[in-house]
Structure formats: structure tokens, C-alpha cells
N, C-alpha and C. Protein backbone atom coordinates (compact mmCIF):
# COMPACT_ATOMS: atom_id res chain seq x y z
N GLN A 1 -1.06 -4.49 17.43
CA GLN A 1 -0.08 -5.50 18.06
C GLN A 1 1.07 -6.01 17.05
N SER A 2 0.19 -6.39 16.18
CA SER A 2 1.22 -6.62 14.66
C SER A 2 0.26 -7.20 13.37
N CYS A 3 0.76 -6.82 12.35
CA CYS A 3 0.20 -6.65 10.98
C CYS A 3 0.81 -6.87 9.77
N GLY A 4 0.65 -8.08 9.45
CA GLY A 4 1.25 -8.51 8.18
C GLY A 4 1.26 -7.48 6.96
N ASN A 5 -0.19 -7.39 6.97
CA ASN A 5 -0.26 -6.60 5.50
C ASN A 5 0.50 -5.01 5.70
N GLY A 6 0.18 -4.74 6.88
CA GLY A 6 1.00 -3.58 7.44
C GLY A 6 2.68 -3.53 6.89
N ALA A 7 3.49 -4.55 7.01
CA ALA A 7 5.02 -4.82 7.38
C ALA A 7 5.22 -4.96 5.76
N ARG A 8 4.29 -5.81 5.01
CA ARG A 8 4.71 -5.85 3.55
C ARG A 8 4.83 -4.42 3.15
N CYS A 9 3.84 -3.87 3.24
CA CYS A 9 3.43 -2.12 2.58
C CYS A 9 4.70 -1.67 3.27
N PHE A 10 5.06 -1.52 4.23
CA PHE A 10 5.95 -0.61 4.95
C PHE A 10 7.09 -0.81 4.21
N ALA A 11 7.49 -2.16 3.91
CA ALA A 11 8.70 -2.17 3.29
C ALA A 11 8.86 -1.95 1.67
N ARG A 12 7.66 -1.76 0.98
CA ARG A 12 7.62 -1.44 -0.27
C ARG A 12 7.93 0.14 0.05
N PHE A 13 7.19 0.47 0.93
CA PHE A 13 7.26 2.27 1.30
C PHE A 13 8.61 2.63 1.04
N VAL A 14 9.52 1.91 2.34
CA VAL A 14 10.87 2.97 2.42
C VAL A 14 12.04 2.43 1.44
N HIS A 15 11.33 1.13 0.83
CA HIS A 15 12.15 0.57 -0.63
C HIS A 15 11.56 1.73 -1.69
N ASP A 16 11.01 2.13 -2.02
CA ASP A 16 10.42 2.92 -3.61
C ASP A 16 11.00 3.99 -3.01
N LYS A 17 10.81 4.63 -1.56
CA LYS A 17 11.02 6.03 -1.58
C LYS A 17 12.91 6.06 -1.18
N GLY A 18 13.69 5.33 -1.40
CA GLY A 18 14.85 5.18 -1.41
C GLY A 18 15.27 5.19 -0.05
N LEU A 19 14.64 5.00 1.21
CA LEU A 19 14.79 4.95 2.51
C LEU A 19 15.98 3.70 2.92
N THR A 20 15.88 3.09 2.09
CA THR A 20 17.26 1.91 2.20
C THR A 20 17.10 1.02 0.74
N SER A 21 18.50 0.54 0.62
CA SER A 21 18.46 0.20 -0.43
C SER A 21 18.56 -1.41 -0.02
N LYS A 22 18.38 -1.82 1.37
CA LYS A 22 18.14 -3.13 1.58
C LYS A 22 17.09 -3.87 0.88
N LEU A 23 17.01 -4.74 0.33
CA LEU A 23 15.89 -5.66 0.27
C LEU A 23 15.64 -6.53 0.88
N GLU A 24 15.94 -6.85 2.62
CA GLU A 24 15.64 -7.16 3.61
C GLU A 24 15.84 -6.41 5.09
N ILE A 25 15.05 -6.07 5.24
CA ILE A 25 14.86 -4.99 6.71
C ILE A 25 14.46 -6.01 8.29
N ARG A 26 14.80 -5.34 9.03
CA ARG A 26 14.30 -5.52 10.36
C ARG A 26 12.84 -4.71 10.94
N VAL A 27 11.77 -5.05 11.50
CA VAL A 27 10.93 -4.14 11.72
C VAL A 27 10.60 -4.33 13.25
N GLY A 28 10.91 -3.25 14.16
CA GLY A 28 10.18 -3.30 15.27
C GLY A 28 8.41 -3.09 15.13
N THR A 29 7.93 -4.19 15.96
CA THR A 29 6.18 -3.58 16.46
C THR A 29 6.08 -4.26 17.81
N ALA A 30 5.18 -3.71 18.27
CA ALA A 30 4.48 -4.38 19.98
C ALA A 30 5.03 -5.67 20.17
N ALA A 31 4.57 -6.40 18.92
CA ALA A 31 4.70 -7.76 19.24
C ALA A 31 6.10 -8.46 19.09
N GLY A 32 6.96 -7.36 18.72
CA GLY A 32 8.48 -7.96 18.68
C GLY A 32 9.03 -7.53 17.14
N VAL A 33 10.15 -8.34 16.32
CA VAL A 33 10.77 -8.00 15.52
C VAL A 33 10.13 -8.86 14.26
N ILE A 34 9.49 -8.25 13.29
CA ILE A 34 9.65 -8.64 11.89
C ILE A 34 10.39 -8.57 10.82
N VAL A 35 10.91 -9.43 10.08
CA VAL A 35 11.61 -9.12 8.81
C VAL A 35 10.92 -9.68 7.15
N PRO A 36 10.57 -7.96 6.60
CA PRO A 36 10.31 -8.34 5.47
C PRO A 36 11.01 -8.33 4.25
N ARG A 37 10.78 -9.08 3.43
CA ARG A 37 12.04 -8.82 2.06
C ARG A 37 11.10 -8.76 0.75
N ILE A 38 11.81 -7.80 0.58
CA ILE A 38 11.48 -7.81 -1.48
C ILE A 38 12.01 -8.91 -2.57
N ARG A 39 11.23 -9.93 -2.96
CA ARG A 39 11.91 -10.68 -3.73
C ARG A 39 12.19 -9.95 -5.37
N ALA A 40 12.66 -11.29 -5.63
CA ALA A 40 12.62 -10.50 -7.13
C ALA A 40 11.46 -10.58 -7.80
N ASP A 41 10.47 -11.38 -7.55
CA ASP A 41 9.24 -11.13 -8.47
C ASP A 41 8.49 -9.94 -7.92
N GLY A 42 9.31 -9.16 -7.30
CA GLY A 42 8.28 -7.97 -6.83
C GLY A 42 7.38 -8.39 -5.56
N ARG A 43 6.73 -9.17 -4.89
CA ARG A 43 6.23 -9.40 -4.33
C ARG A 43 6.88 -9.39 -2.72
N VAL A 44 6.27 -9.00 -1.90
CA VAL A 44 6.83 -8.80 -0.55
C VAL A 44 6.83 -10.38 0.84
N SER A 45 8.00 -10.76 1.47
CA SER A 45 7.95 -12.09 1.96
C SER A 45 8.19 -11.49 4.07
N VAL A 46 7.55 -12.12 4.46
CA VAL A 46 7.91 -11.41 5.72
C VAL A 46 7.78 -12.14 6.60
N ASN A 47 8.87 -12.65 7.54
CA ASN A 47 8.81 -13.78 8.57
C ASN A 47 7.98 -13.25 9.95
N MET A 48 7.23 -14.12 9.52
CA MET A 48 6.03 -13.29 10.78
C MET A 48 6.10 -14.03 12.43
N GLY A 49 7.39 -14.91 12.37
CA GLY A 49 7.47 -15.44 13.59
C GLY A 49 7.06 -16.58 13.94
N VAL A 50 7.22 -17.22 15.25
CA VAL A 50 6.72 -18.72 15.72
C VAL A 50 5.39 -18.45 16.04
N PRO A 51 4.27 -19.19 15.48
CA PRO A 51 2.93 -19.09 15.92
C PRO A 51 3.08 -19.56 17.56
N GLU A 52 1.94 -18.87 18.46
CA GLU A 52 2.00 -19.27 19.83
C GLU A 52 0.68 -20.25 20.05
N PHE A 53 0.58 -21.22 20.41
CA PHE A 53 -0.22 -22.58 21.15
C PHE A 53 -0.82 -22.25 22.40
N GLU A 54 -0.01 -21.95 23.48
CA GLU A 54 -0.37 -22.01 24.73
C GLU A 54 -1.67 -21.06 24.99
N PRO A 55 -2.37 -21.64 25.62
CA PRO A 55 -3.83 -20.50 26.03
C PRO A 55 -3.44 -19.32 26.44
N ALA A 56 -2.64 -19.75 27.67
CA ALA A 56 -2.13 -18.24 28.90
C ALA A 56 -1.37 -17.33 27.54
N ARG A 57 -0.78 -17.63 26.72
CA ARG A 57 -0.04 -16.46 26.16
C ARG A 57 -0.64 -16.16 24.67
N ILE A 58 -1.90 -16.68 24.63
CA ILE A 58 -2.07 -16.01 23.55
C ILE A 58 -3.29 -14.85 23.59
N PRO A 59 -3.84 -14.38 24.86
CA PRO A 59 -4.31 -15.04 25.68
C PRO A 59 -5.68 -15.65 25.43
N PHE A 60 -5.91 -16.71 25.63
CA PHE A 60 -7.02 -17.69 25.90
C PHE A 60 -7.45 -18.21 27.25
N GLN A 61 -8.72 -18.29 27.34
CA GLN A 61 -8.89 -19.22 29.14
C GLN A 61 -9.43 -20.42 28.37
N ALA A 62 -8.44 -21.41 29.08
CA ALA A 62 -8.81 -22.88 28.83
C ALA A 62 -7.29 -23.72 29.68
N GLU A 63 -8.30 -24.80 30.27
CA GLU A 63 -7.35 -25.35 31.46
C GLU A 63 -6.18 -26.22 30.74
N ARG A 64 -5.98 -26.22 29.56
CA ARG A 64 -4.90 -26.70 28.95
C ARG A 64 -4.78 -26.68 27.12
N ARG A 65 -3.82 -26.65 26.79
CA ARG A 65 -3.70 -26.49 25.77
C ARG A 65 -4.20 -27.83 25.12
N ALA A 66 -5.01 -27.38 23.57
CA ALA A 66 -5.76 -28.64 22.74
C ALA A 66 -5.53 -28.27 21.18
N ALA A 67 -5.81 -29.40 20.66
CA ALA A 67 -5.60 -29.03 19.14
C ALA A 67 -7.11 -28.21 18.88
N THR A 68 -8.04 -28.11 19.16
CA THR A 68 -9.43 -26.79 19.10
C THR A 68 -9.90 -27.31 20.57
N TYR A 69 -10.85 -26.07 20.41
CA TYR A 69 -11.62 -25.96 21.48
C TYR A 69 -13.17 -25.77 21.27
N GLU A 70 -13.99 -25.52 22.48
CA GLU A 70 -15.46 -25.43 22.16
C GLU A 70 -15.94 -24.14 22.18
N LEU A 71 -16.51 -23.40 21.73
CA LEU A 71 -16.66 -22.13 22.18
C LEU A 71 -18.47 -21.64 21.79
N LEU A 72 -18.83 -21.62 22.94
CA LEU A 72 -19.79 -21.16 23.10
C LEU A 72 -20.12 -19.64 22.21
N VAL A 73 -21.09 -19.57 21.42
CA VAL A 73 -21.08 -18.33 20.58
C VAL A 73 -22.75 -18.14 20.36
N GLY A 74 -23.17 -17.20 21.05
CA GLY A 74 -24.57 -16.92 20.94
C GLY A 74 -25.78 -17.96 21.42
N GLY A 75 -24.55 -18.91 22.40
CA GLY A 75 -26.17 -20.00 22.54
C GLY A 75 -25.35 -21.38 21.42
N LYS A 76 -24.86 -21.09 20.85
CA LYS A 76 -24.59 -22.35 19.85
C LYS A 76 -22.70 -22.72 19.88
N PRO A 77 -22.65 -23.96 19.88
CA PRO A 77 -21.36 -24.60 19.91
C PRO A 77 -20.35 -24.51 18.27
N ARG A 78 -19.56 -24.00 18.90
CA ARG A 78 -19.04 -23.48 17.49
C ARG A 78 -17.20 -24.21 17.91
N ARG A 79 -16.32 -24.89 17.00
CA ARG A 79 -15.03 -25.35 17.18
C ARG A 79 -14.41 -24.69 16.39
N ILE A 80 -13.41 -24.29 17.27
CA ILE A 80 -12.14 -23.29 16.93
C ILE A 80 -10.76 -23.65 17.42
N PHE A 81 -9.97 -23.04 16.64
CA PHE A 81 -8.65 -22.95 16.75
C PHE A 81 -8.19 -21.71 17.48
N ALA A 82 -7.56 -21.84 18.28
CA ALA A 82 -7.26 -20.73 18.83
C ALA A 82 -5.29 -20.51 19.02
N ILE A 83 -4.82 -19.36 18.40
CA ILE A 83 -3.47 -19.53 18.00
C ILE A 83 -2.93 -17.78 17.70
N SER A 84 -2.21 -17.31 18.23
CA SER A 84 -1.61 -15.74 18.56
C SER A 84 -0.15 -15.78 17.36
N MET A 85 -0.38 -15.26 16.66
CA MET A 85 0.73 -14.63 15.64
C MET A 85 1.39 -13.22 16.11
N GLY A 86 1.07 -12.75 17.14
CA GLY A 86 1.85 -11.61 17.49
C GLY A 86 0.19 -10.70 18.23
N ASN A 87 -0.53 -11.67 17.84
CA ASN A 87 -2.24 -11.06 18.29
C ASN A 87 -2.73 -12.28 17.92
N PRO A 88 -4.11 -12.37 18.74
CA PRO A 88 -5.22 -13.33 19.39
C PRO A 88 -6.09 -13.73 17.74
N HIS A 89 -6.23 -14.75 17.60
CA HIS A 89 -7.11 -15.19 16.42
C HIS A 89 -7.90 -16.65 16.96
N ALA A 90 -8.89 -16.54 16.85
CA ALA A 90 -10.09 -17.70 16.70
C ALA A 90 -10.75 -18.30 15.18
N THR A 91 -10.57 -19.44 14.71
CA THR A 91 -10.30 -19.86 13.13
C THR A 91 -11.03 -20.86 13.38
N GLN A 92 -12.48 -21.03 12.73
CA GLN A 92 -13.61 -22.18 12.63
C GLN A 92 -12.98 -22.13 11.19
N ILE A 93 -13.68 -23.62 11.10
CA ILE A 93 -13.69 -24.34 9.29
C ILE A 93 -15.36 -24.07 9.20
N VAL A 94 -15.44 -23.57 7.85
CA VAL A 94 -16.75 -23.42 7.43
C VAL A 94 -17.06 -24.23 6.32
N ALA A 95 -18.35 -24.21 5.51
CA ALA A 95 -18.01 -25.02 4.41
C ALA A 95 -17.93 -24.10 3.16
N ASP A 96 -18.80 -22.84 3.43
CA ASP A 96 -18.91 -21.45 2.58
C ASP A 96 -18.72 -20.79 3.17
N VAL A 97 -17.65 -20.28 2.92
CA VAL A 97 -17.02 -18.58 3.12
C VAL A 97 -18.08 -17.75 3.35
N ASP A 98 -18.78 -17.82 1.73
CA ASP A 98 -19.66 -16.32 1.54
C ASP A 98 -20.89 -16.45 2.12
N ALA A 99 -21.38 -17.75 2.73
CA ALA A 99 -22.20 -17.32 3.47
C ALA A 99 -22.04 -17.60 5.29
N ALA A 100 -20.38 -17.93 5.18
CA ALA A 100 -20.64 -17.64 6.74
C ALA A 100 -21.21 -16.64 7.78
N PRO A 101 -21.39 -16.78 9.03
CA PRO A 101 -21.92 -15.48 9.59
C PRO A 101 -20.93 -14.56 10.23
N VAL A 102 -20.14 -14.21 8.99
CA VAL A 102 -19.44 -12.70 9.78
C VAL A 102 -19.84 -11.58 10.70
N ALA A 103 -20.76 -11.51 9.76
CA ALA A 103 -21.99 -10.16 10.68
C ALA A 103 -22.17 -10.29 11.75
N THR A 104 -22.62 -11.59 12.23
CA THR A 104 -23.46 -11.68 13.06
C THR A 104 -22.35 -12.42 14.61
N GLU A 105 -22.23 -13.50 14.24
CA GLU A 105 -21.23 -14.22 15.29
C GLU A 105 -19.46 -13.21 14.85
N GLY A 106 -19.12 -13.25 14.11
CA GLY A 106 -17.89 -12.69 14.33
C GLY A 106 -17.57 -11.53 15.43
N PRO A 107 -18.40 -10.11 15.71
CA PRO A 107 -18.83 -9.59 16.92
C PRO A 107 -18.39 -10.60 18.17
N LEU A 108 -19.55 -11.86 18.24
CA LEU A 108 -19.50 -12.08 19.39
C LEU A 108 -18.30 -13.05 20.10
N ILE A 109 -17.47 -13.39 18.92
CA ILE A 109 -16.48 -13.88 18.95
C ILE A 109 -15.36 -13.32 19.77
N GLU A 110 -15.30 -11.57 18.85
CA GLU A 110 -14.43 -11.16 19.04
C GLU A 110 -14.14 -10.50 20.55
N ALA A 111 -15.64 -10.63 21.37
CA ALA A 111 -15.87 -10.14 22.56
C ALA A 111 -15.94 -10.87 23.21
N HIS A 112 -15.86 -12.07 23.18
CA HIS A 112 -15.63 -13.53 24.35
C HIS A 112 -15.14 -13.54 25.11
N GLU A 113 -15.86 -13.56 26.49
CA GLU A 113 -15.06 -13.87 28.02
C GLU A 113 -14.03 -14.75 27.90
N ARG A 114 -13.87 -15.62 27.20
CA ARG A 114 -12.64 -16.39 27.60
C ARG A 114 -11.67 -15.53 26.86
N PHE A 115 -11.81 -14.77 25.85
CA PHE A 115 -10.29 -14.12 24.98
C PHE A 115 -10.28 -12.42 25.84
N PRO A 116 -9.85 -12.63 27.19
CA PRO A 116 -9.70 -11.17 27.93
C PRO A 116 -9.18 -10.35 27.04
N GLN A 117 -8.48 -10.15 26.08
CA GLN A 117 -7.60 -9.24 25.41
C GLN A 117 -8.67 -8.86 24.03
N ARG A 118 -9.85 -9.71 23.61
CA ARG A 118 -10.59 -9.34 22.47
C ARG A 118 -9.79 -10.44 21.66
N VAL A 119 -10.58 -10.80 20.58
CA VAL A 119 -9.70 -11.58 19.45
C VAL A 119 -9.96 -11.24 17.77
N ASN A 120 -9.35 -11.70 17.05
CA ASN A 120 -9.55 -11.79 15.52
C ASN A 120 -10.18 -12.95 15.02
N ALA A 121 -11.63 -12.96 14.97
CA ALA A 121 -12.52 -14.36 14.24
C ALA A 121 -12.32 -14.51 13.28
N GLY A 122 -11.81 -15.86 12.62
CA GLY A 122 -11.30 -16.23 11.39
C GLY A 122 -12.63 -17.32 11.16
N PHE A 123 -12.93 -16.99 9.59
CA PHE A 123 -13.85 -18.52 8.87
C PHE A 123 -13.36 -18.85 7.79
N MET A 124 -12.97 -20.23 7.86
CA MET A 124 -12.28 -20.62 6.89
C MET A 124 -12.53 -21.50 6.21
N GLN A 125 -12.40 -21.57 4.74
CA GLN A 125 -13.24 -22.53 3.80
C GLN A 125 -11.80 -23.65 3.15
N ILE A 126 -12.04 -24.27 3.42
CA ILE A 126 -10.74 -25.46 2.90
C ILE A 126 -11.30 -25.92 1.30
N VAL A 127 -10.25 -25.20 0.13
CA VAL A 127 -10.38 -25.43 -1.26
C VAL A 127 -9.86 -26.71 -1.51
N ASP A 128 -8.42 -27.36 -1.29
CA ASP A 128 -7.77 -28.48 -1.62
C ASP A 128 -6.89 -28.32 -0.10
N ARG A 129 -5.67 -29.01 -0.31
CA ARG A 129 -4.78 -29.21 0.70
C ARG A 129 -3.92 -28.03 0.64
N HIS A 130 -3.75 -27.53 -0.53
CA HIS A 130 -3.02 -25.99 -0.55
C HIS A 130 -3.62 -24.69 -0.57
N ALA A 131 -4.82 -24.67 -0.16
CA ALA A 131 -5.74 -23.31 -0.37
C ALA A 131 -6.45 -23.52 0.44
N ILE A 132 -7.08 -22.12 0.85
CA ILE A 132 -8.09 -22.12 1.46
C ILE A 132 -8.85 -20.70 1.24
N ARG A 133 -9.88 -20.32 1.60
CA ARG A 133 -10.46 -19.11 1.46
C ARG A 133 -11.03 -18.59 2.86
N LEU A 134 -10.43 -17.23 2.46
CA LEU A 134 -10.85 -16.88 4.39
C LEU A 134 -11.32 -15.31 4.74
N ARG A 135 -12.12 -15.22 5.13
CA ARG A 135 -12.53 -14.05 5.96
C ARG A 135 -12.65 -13.63 7.67
N VAL A 136 -12.12 -12.20 8.18
CA VAL A 136 -11.47 -12.40 9.47
C VAL A 136 -12.41 -10.76 9.69
N TYR A 137 -13.23 -11.06 11.08
CA TYR A 137 -13.57 -9.90 11.57
C TYR A 137 -12.67 -9.72 12.50
N GLU A 138 -12.27 -8.41 12.11
CA GLU A 138 -11.14 -7.95 12.95
C GLU A 138 -11.18 -6.95 14.27
N ARG A 139 -10.78 -7.51 15.54
CA ARG A 139 -11.01 -6.84 16.49
C ARG A 139 -10.74 -5.48 16.38
N GLY A 140 -12.13 -4.70 17.22
CA GLY A 140 -11.95 -2.91 16.88
C GLY A 140 -11.99 -2.95 15.35
N ALA A 141 -12.26 -3.51 14.87
CA ALA A 141 -12.21 -2.90 13.14
C ALA A 141 -13.52 -3.44 12.02
N GLY A 142 -14.02 -4.82 12.89
CA GLY A 142 -15.18 -5.60 12.01
C GLY A 142 -14.35 -6.13 10.62
N GLU A 143 -15.24 -6.63 9.75
CA GLU A 143 -14.85 -7.73 8.63
C GLU A 143 -13.89 -6.77 7.75
N THR A 144 -12.72 -7.15 7.45
CA THR A 144 -12.24 -6.80 6.48
C THR A 144 -11.38 -6.99 5.36
N LEU A 145 -11.02 -6.69 4.59
CA LEU A 145 -10.61 -7.00 3.06
C LEU A 145 -9.52 -8.26 3.29
N ALA A 146 -8.93 -8.18 3.84
CA ALA A 146 -7.78 -9.29 4.09
C ALA A 146 -7.18 -8.86 5.45
N CYS A 147 -6.30 -10.03 6.02
CA CYS A 147 -6.07 -9.80 7.42
C CYS A 147 -4.56 -10.24 7.16
N GLY A 148 -3.41 -10.15 6.94
CA GLY A 148 -2.12 -11.02 7.15
C GLY A 148 -2.11 -12.21 8.16
N THR A 149 -2.55 -11.50 9.39
CA THR A 149 -2.08 -12.40 10.70
C THR A 149 -2.90 -13.16 10.53
N GLY A 150 -4.32 -13.19 10.29
CA GLY A 150 -5.19 -14.28 10.17
C GLY A 150 -5.33 -15.00 8.75
N ALA A 151 -4.10 -14.42 8.20
CA ALA A 151 -3.89 -15.76 7.07
C ALA A 151 -3.11 -16.43 7.40
N CYS A 152 -2.13 -16.26 8.22
CA CYS A 152 -0.87 -17.31 8.86
C CYS A 152 -1.62 -17.65 10.43
N ALA A 153 -2.83 -17.60 11.00
CA ALA A 153 -3.31 -18.49 11.72
C ALA A 153 -3.96 -19.77 11.32
N ALA A 154 -4.52 -19.02 10.10
CA ALA A 154 -5.84 -19.73 9.25
C ALA A 154 -4.58 -21.18 8.76
N ALA A 155 -3.73 -20.71 8.05
CA ALA A 155 -2.68 -22.01 7.59
C ALA A 155 -2.18 -22.71 8.54
N VAL A 156 -1.74 -21.71 9.48
CA VAL A 156 -0.87 -22.74 10.69
C VAL A 156 -1.53 -23.58 10.90
N ALA A 157 -3.30 -23.51 11.71
CA ALA A 157 -4.08 -24.14 11.85
C ALA A 157 -4.59 -25.15 10.98
N GLY A 158 -4.89 -25.07 9.41
CA GLY A 158 -5.19 -26.38 8.89
C GLY A 158 -3.79 -27.53 8.56
N ILE A 159 -2.85 -26.50 8.68
CA ILE A 159 -1.16 -27.67 8.53
C ILE A 159 -1.30 -28.16 9.96
N GLN A 160 -1.71 -27.71 10.94
CA GLN A 160 -1.48 -28.47 12.49
C GLN A 160 -2.40 -29.57 12.47
N ALA A 161 -3.23 -29.31 12.28
CA ALA A 161 -4.43 -30.29 12.08
C ALA A 161 -4.38 -31.35 10.98
N ARG A 162 -3.54 -31.02 10.14
CA ARG A 162 -3.10 -32.09 8.58
C ARG A 162 -4.16 -31.91 8.08
N LEU A 163 -4.88 -30.97 7.69
CA LEU A 163 -5.75 -31.00 6.81
C LEU A 163 -5.36 -29.89 5.67
N LEU A 164 -4.24 -29.44 5.60
CA LEU A 164 -3.40 -28.61 5.01
C LEU A 164 -2.04 -28.78 4.78
N GLU A 165 -1.26 -28.78 3.23
CA GLU A 165 0.06 -28.77 3.62
C GLU A 165 0.89 -27.42 3.35
N SER A 166 1.79 -26.88 3.66
CA SER A 166 2.42 -26.21 2.92
C SER A 166 3.46 -26.24 1.71
N PRO A 167 3.39 -25.39 0.79
CA PRO A 167 2.55 -23.62 0.85
C PRO A 167 1.15 -23.47 0.79
N VAL A 168 0.46 -23.06 1.63
CA VAL A 168 -1.01 -22.52 1.26
C VAL A 168 -1.53 -21.32 0.55
N ARG A 169 -2.26 -21.62 -0.19
CA ARG A 169 -2.28 -19.89 -0.88
C ARG A 169 -4.06 -19.85 -0.05
N VAL A 170 -3.85 -18.26 0.46
CA VAL A 170 -5.37 -18.15 1.25
C VAL A 170 -5.65 -16.68 0.28
N SER A 171 -6.87 -16.91 -0.28
CA SER A 171 -7.64 -15.98 -1.15
C SER A 171 -8.69 -15.26 0.11
N THR A 172 -8.62 -13.88 -0.24
CA THR A 172 -9.43 -12.86 0.48
C THR A 172 -10.12 -12.33 -0.34
N ARG A 173 -11.06 -11.59 -0.02
CA ARG A 173 -11.61 -10.80 -0.77
C ARG A 173 -11.14 -9.45 -0.80
N GLY A 174 -9.91 -9.27 -0.70
CA GLY A 174 -8.85 -8.34 -0.91
C GLY A 174 -7.44 -9.01 -1.71
N GLY A 175 -7.63 -10.26 -2.56
CA GLY A 175 -6.14 -10.91 -3.07
C GLY A 175 -5.56 -12.19 -2.19
N ASP A 176 -4.81 -12.44 -2.76
CA ASP A 176 -4.24 -13.92 -2.75
C ASP A 176 -2.84 -13.59 -1.46
N LEU A 177 -2.62 -14.20 -0.62
CA LEU A 177 -1.14 -14.63 -0.10
C LEU A 177 -0.67 -15.98 0.16
N GLU A 178 0.26 -15.93 0.29
CA GLU A 178 0.95 -17.45 0.22
C GLU A 178 1.41 -17.59 1.87
N ILE A 179 1.13 -18.78 2.38
CA ILE A 179 1.57 -19.10 3.73
C ILE A 179 2.73 -20.05 3.82
N GLU A 180 3.81 -19.93 3.88
CA GLU A 180 4.77 -21.51 5.00
C GLU A 180 5.07 -21.51 5.67
N TRP A 181 5.01 -22.67 6.22
CA TRP A 181 5.38 -23.12 7.98
C TRP A 181 5.53 -24.53 8.04
N SER A 182 6.60 -24.84 8.29
CA SER A 182 7.27 -26.08 8.58
C SER A 182 6.81 -27.07 9.69
N GLY A 183 6.24 -26.50 10.57
CA GLY A 183 5.66 -26.76 11.87
C GLY A 183 6.18 -26.57 13.30
N GLU A 184 5.71 -26.91 14.23
CA GLU A 184 5.94 -26.79 15.15
C GLU A 184 7.31 -26.04 16.02
N ALA A 185 7.13 -24.57 16.42
CA ALA A 185 8.46 -24.45 16.95
C ALA A 185 8.80 -23.61 15.53
N ARG A 186 8.31 -23.39 14.40
CA ARG A 186 9.11 -22.90 13.20
C ARG A 186 8.72 -21.36 13.16
N GLU A 187 9.37 -20.89 12.15
CA GLU A 187 8.86 -19.25 11.94
C GLU A 187 7.56 -19.40 10.49
N VAL A 188 6.62 -19.02 10.35
CA VAL A 188 5.53 -18.55 9.67
C VAL A 188 6.26 -17.56 8.56
N ILE A 189 6.39 -17.88 7.35
CA ILE A 189 6.86 -16.64 6.21
C ILE A 189 5.37 -16.79 5.54
N MET A 190 5.11 -15.32 5.18
CA MET A 190 3.89 -14.75 5.01
C MET A 190 4.31 -13.98 3.32
N THR A 191 4.00 -14.09 1.93
CA THR A 191 4.26 -13.63 0.73
C THR A 191 3.21 -13.08 -0.23
N GLY A 192 3.25 -11.92 -0.34
CA GLY A 192 1.79 -11.16 -1.05
C GLY A 192 2.36 -10.31 -1.92
N PRO A 193 1.52 -9.35 -2.77
CA PRO A 193 1.92 -8.08 -2.94
C PRO A 193 1.71 -7.17 -2.84
N ALA A 194 2.63 -5.85 -2.76
CA ALA A 194 2.16 -4.64 -2.23
C ALA A 194 2.56 -3.41 -2.57
N CYS A 195 2.12 -2.19 -3.38
CA CYS A 195 1.82 -1.90 -4.20
C CYS A 195 1.33 -0.45 -3.82
N THR A 196 1.93 0.85 -4.90
CA THR A 196 1.20 1.97 -4.23
C THR A 196 -0.16 2.51 -4.77
N VAL A 197 -1.35 2.66 -4.52
CA VAL A 197 -2.50 3.07 -4.89
C VAL A 197 -2.75 4.57 -4.69
N PHE A 198 -1.80 5.28 -3.99
CA PHE A 198 -2.20 6.82 -3.83
C PHE A 198 -1.31 7.38 -2.94
N GLU A 199 -0.96 8.45 -3.26
CA GLU A 199 -0.21 9.27 -2.20
C GLU A 199 -0.98 10.80 -2.15
N GLY A 200 -0.58 11.12 -0.86
CA GLY A 200 -1.32 12.79 -0.73
C GLY A 200 -0.33 12.93 0.19
N GLU A 201 -1.01 14.89 0.58
CA GLU A 201 -0.36 15.48 1.71
C GLU A 201 -1.70 15.94 2.65
N ILE A 202 -1.27 15.89 4.27
CA ILE A 202 -2.07 16.68 4.66
C ILE A 202 -1.21 17.58 5.71
N ALA A 203 -2.02 18.23 6.16
CA ALA A 203 -1.31 19.30 7.10
C ALA A 203 -1.88 18.94 8.42
N ILE A 204 -0.62 18.91 9.38
CA ILE A 204 -0.37 18.57 10.69
C ILE A 204 -0.44 19.41 11.36
């Protein structure tokens, strides 16, 4: 539905290939239009849109909107934030992201019955008020090195809970992202690097 890292890479690709001279472009996705912008320092910023908290629009089965929700995962209660960034995310706070049960609980959360379209499962360790470490078990893919929408969802969850302050540095195994969000009904800005690492041709 939406891929923040993919949007940054797409913006870098079309600019480097001379397909546009604009530093800011509009990109249509299944979740709506996003706006990547190449910055003077070479990083790419993407306007990821406004986060969605209403359960029916995530979608997530809950009687009403709440700050957090209790989810039974393998018979154990887990406290999660449920947010959509164009795709659904269930993020929980952990003491040590390296020891988080991503491989065991990730698939259970991904396929949880309360998320009818499945969900991305995020495990977030708060480092300080402007920094977190994050691992994400993505729906249909398993754990990935980085997840742009997952980084946005985690930062938004922490800011909404007044545990974090914008901007937030999100450190993943694939690198760092900077997330900016000024509050309810405001758009999320994600900034990070994008560079070409391989080119090739395939016969179709």
C-alpha cells in the first residue's frame, strides 16, 4: 500500500536518471499521493501524510479509539499502539530491541485476528526523547532491515504518548531515519539517505 523507503529510492532514481529536474515530485501510491523531496545534503525527505488512529480505518478491531490496546499474543498480553501510515502498524515498547521476540511474536501479531488485513509488527526501544531503536516484522515479508512506514508509526506513537519529541532519530539494522511530526492531524515527514548500490538488466 505504501513504502516510505521505496518512495525515497524512487525519487533518487528519477532524479539521477534525468527523468525530472525537480527536487520535489508527487508520487501516487495505493494509499494516496506522497511527496518526496531531495535535500541540499543529498538526503531525501518524504511527506508521508497524516497518521490514522481510528480503529476502523487502520483497520483494527476495537470498540473505540484508545491511546494503547491490549493484544493477546500467544496467550500473553502485549500493550500496543495501533496506527496506519497508509498501511497498518502494531508497535510495542521493549526494553532491549536486540532481545525482542521478533521472530516468534512477529508472525503471531502479523496474522492476529483483530487486524483483518494483517499488520506490520514493530518493536521499539526508547533511547532518549529524540531517539529510538526499531525492528519490524513486515506483513508478508518477515523481519526486514528497515521499514519507513514502521519508523513513522513508531515515532508518532512515542510522540503521541509524550515519551518522545520531534524530531526522532529511528535506528534500524539498515540505517537511520529522521522522523518529524508536530501532532494530531499533521503530516509526518521522513528523511533519510538514498543511493544507488547496483544496476543491471534482465530480459523480459
